[in-house]
C-alpha atoms as a PDB file:
ATOM      1  CA  MET A   1       8.760  21.395 -27.799  1.00  0.00           C
ATOM      2  CA  LYS A   2      12.440  21.331 -28.073  1.00  0.00           C
ATOM      3  CA  ASP A   3      13.936  18.358 -29.930  1.00  0.00           C
ATOM      4  CA  LYS A   4      15.981  15.567 -28.177  1.00  0.00           C
ATOM      5  CA  ILE A   5      15.208  16.607 -24.477  1.00  0.00           C
ATOM      6  CA  HIS A   6      12.282  14.276 -23.841  1.00  0.00           C
ATOM      7  CA  PRO A   7      12.934  10.697 -22.830  1.00  0.00           C
ATOM      8  CA  LYS A   8      11.520   7.875 -25.267  1.00  0.00           C
ATOM      9  CA  TYR A   9       7.891   6.856 -24.618  1.00  0.00           C
ATOM     10  CA  HIS A  10       7.146   3.490 -24.654  1.00  0.00           C
ATOM     11  CA  PRO A  11       3.354   2.917 -24.909  1.00  0.00           C
ATOM     12  CA  GLU A  12       3.463  -0.971 -24.337  1.00  0.00           C
ATOM     13  CA  CYS A  13       5.667  -1.014 -21.182  1.00  0.00           C
ATOM     14  CA  LYS A  14       5.091  -4.383 -19.541  1.00  0.00           C
ATOM     15  CA  VAL A  15       4.974  -4.612 -15.892  1.00  0.00           C
ATOM     16  CA  TYR A  16       6.180  -7.917 -14.321  1.00  0.00           C
ATOM     17  CA  TYR A  17       5.392  -9.260 -10.841  1.00  0.00           C
ATOM     18  CA  ARG A  18       7.137 -12.244  -9.890  1.00  0.00           C
ATOM     19  CA  GLY A  19       8.596 -12.908 -13.283  1.00  0.00           C
ATOM     20  CA  GLU A  20       4.901 -12.878 -15.074  1.00  0.00           C
ATOM     21  CA  VAL A  21       3.393  -9.857 -16.784  1.00  0.00           C
ATOM     22  CA  VAL A  22       0.609  -8.552 -14.995  1.00  0.00           C
ATOM     23  CA  MET A  23      -0.266  -5.596 -17.088  1.00  0.00           C
ATOM     24  CA  THR A  24       0.906  -3.078 -19.537  1.00  0.00           C
ATOM     25  CA  THR A  25       0.893   0.546 -19.392  1.00  0.00           C
ATOM     26  CA  GLY A  26       3.020   3.535 -21.116  1.00  0.00           C
ATOM     27  CA  ALA A  27       6.077   4.545 -19.564  1.00  0.00           C
ATOM     28  CA  THR A  28       9.724   5.763 -20.277  1.00  0.00           C
ATOM     29  CA  VAL A  29      11.021   2.390 -19.991  1.00  0.00           C
ATOM     30  CA  PRO A  30      10.272  -0.782 -21.934  1.00  0.00           C
ATOM     31  CA  GLU A  31       9.581  -3.027 -18.840  1.00  0.00           C
ATOM     32  CA  LEU A  32       9.204  -2.385 -15.013  1.00  0.00           C
ATOM     33  CA  HIS A  33       9.722  -5.078 -12.501  1.00  0.00           C
ATOM     34  CA  VAL A  34       7.683  -4.392  -9.325  1.00  0.00           C
ATOM     35  CA  GLU A  35       7.461  -6.048  -5.626  1.00  0.00           C
ATOM     36  CA  VAL A  36       3.792  -4.943  -5.025  1.00  0.00           C
ATOM     37  CA  TRP A  37       1.048  -4.319  -7.319  1.00  0.00           C
ATOM     38  CA  SER A  38      -2.783  -3.878  -6.785  1.00  0.00           C
ATOM     39  CA  GLY A  39      -3.408  -7.506  -7.365  1.00  0.00           C
ATOM     40  CA  SER A  40      -1.021  -8.779  -4.739  1.00  0.00           C
ATOM     41  CA  HIS A  41      -1.557  -5.954  -1.958  1.00  0.00           C
ATOM     42  CA  PRO A  42      -3.967  -6.935   0.897  1.00  0.00           C
ATOM     43  CA  PHE A  43      -5.738  -3.479   0.674  1.00  0.00           C
ATOM     44  CA  PHE A  44      -7.112  -4.354  -2.760  1.00  0.00           C
ATOM     45  CA  THR A  45      -7.652  -8.151  -2.466  1.00  0.00           C
ATOM     46  CA  GLY A  46      -9.553  -7.947   0.861  1.00  0.00           C
ATOM     47  CA  GLN A  47      -7.174 -10.237   2.682  1.00  0.00           C
ATOM     48  CA  LYS A  48      -6.563  -7.888   5.443  1.00  0.00           C
ATOM     49  CA  SER A  49      -4.413  -9.460   8.212  1.00  0.00           C
ATOM     50  CA  PHE A  50      -4.484  -7.994  11.613  1.00  0.00           C
ATOM     51  CA  ILE A  51      -1.284  -8.697  13.905  1.00  0.00           C
ATOM     52  CA  ASP A  52      -1.383  -7.890  17.678  1.00  0.00           C
ATOM     53  CA  THR A  53       2.024  -7.383  18.945  1.00  0.00           C
ATOM     54  CA  ALA A  54       2.674  -8.262  22.594  1.00  0.00           C
ATOM     55  CA  GLY A  55      -1.065  -7.700  23.410  1.00  0.00           C
ATOM     56  CA  ARG A  56      -1.171  -4.158  22.770  1.00  0.00           C
ATOM     57  CA  VAL A  57      -4.921  -3.917  21.861  1.00  0.00           C
ATOM     58  CA  GLU A  58      -5.708  -5.767  25.306  1.00  0.00           C
ATOM     59  CA  LYS A  59      -3.632  -3.560  27.360  1.00  0.00           C
ATOM     60  CA  PHE A  60      -5.186  -0.371  25.624  1.00  0.00           C
ATOM     61  CA  GLN A  61      -8.762  -1.877  26.195  1.00  0.00           C
ATOM     62  CA  ARG A  62      -7.808  -2.579  29.866  1.00  0.00           C
ATOM     63  CA  LYS A  63      -6.336   0.956  30.314  1.00  0.00           C
ATOM     64  CA  PHE A  64      -9.250   2.710  28.990  1.00  0.00           C
ATOM     65  CA  ALA A  65     -11.872   0.265  30.335  1.00  0.00           C
ATOM     66  CA  GLY A  66     -14.763   1.576  32.628  1.00  0.00           C
ATOM     67  CA  ASP A  67     -14.899   5.212  33.794  1.00  0.00           C
ATOM     68  CA  TYR A  68     -11.775   6.467  32.725  1.00  0.00           C
ATOM     69  CA  PHE A  69     -13.056   9.218  30.908  1.00  0.00           C
ATOM     70  CA  LYS A  70     -15.974  10.145  33.014  1.00  0.00           C
ATOM     71  CA  GLY A  71     -13.742  11.850  35.784  1.00  0.00           C
ATOM     72  CA  LYS A  72     -12.150  14.070  33.143  1.00  0.00           C
ATOM     73  CA  LYS A  73     -13.781  17.697  32.876  1.00  0.00           C
ATOM     74  CA  LYS A  74     -14.636  19.410  29.551  1.00  0.00           C
ATOM     75  CA  LYS A  75     -13.113  23.247  29.382  1.00  0.00           C
END
């Protein structure tokens, strides 16, 4: 490896979320400040929320309810 071309590696980089350390990892910076991490993201916490904007689900169900697909012929 060439000398003086690689960034300094910090094996104990602290990751901050809302002002508190949530984990440590190796990185090229001594600390990281993040807005989202696995402990706060709904996908990982299981607190998924479903928002139906302006009744889109009901509109879709009304449109495709009943015999909508029976009249279509397969080619």
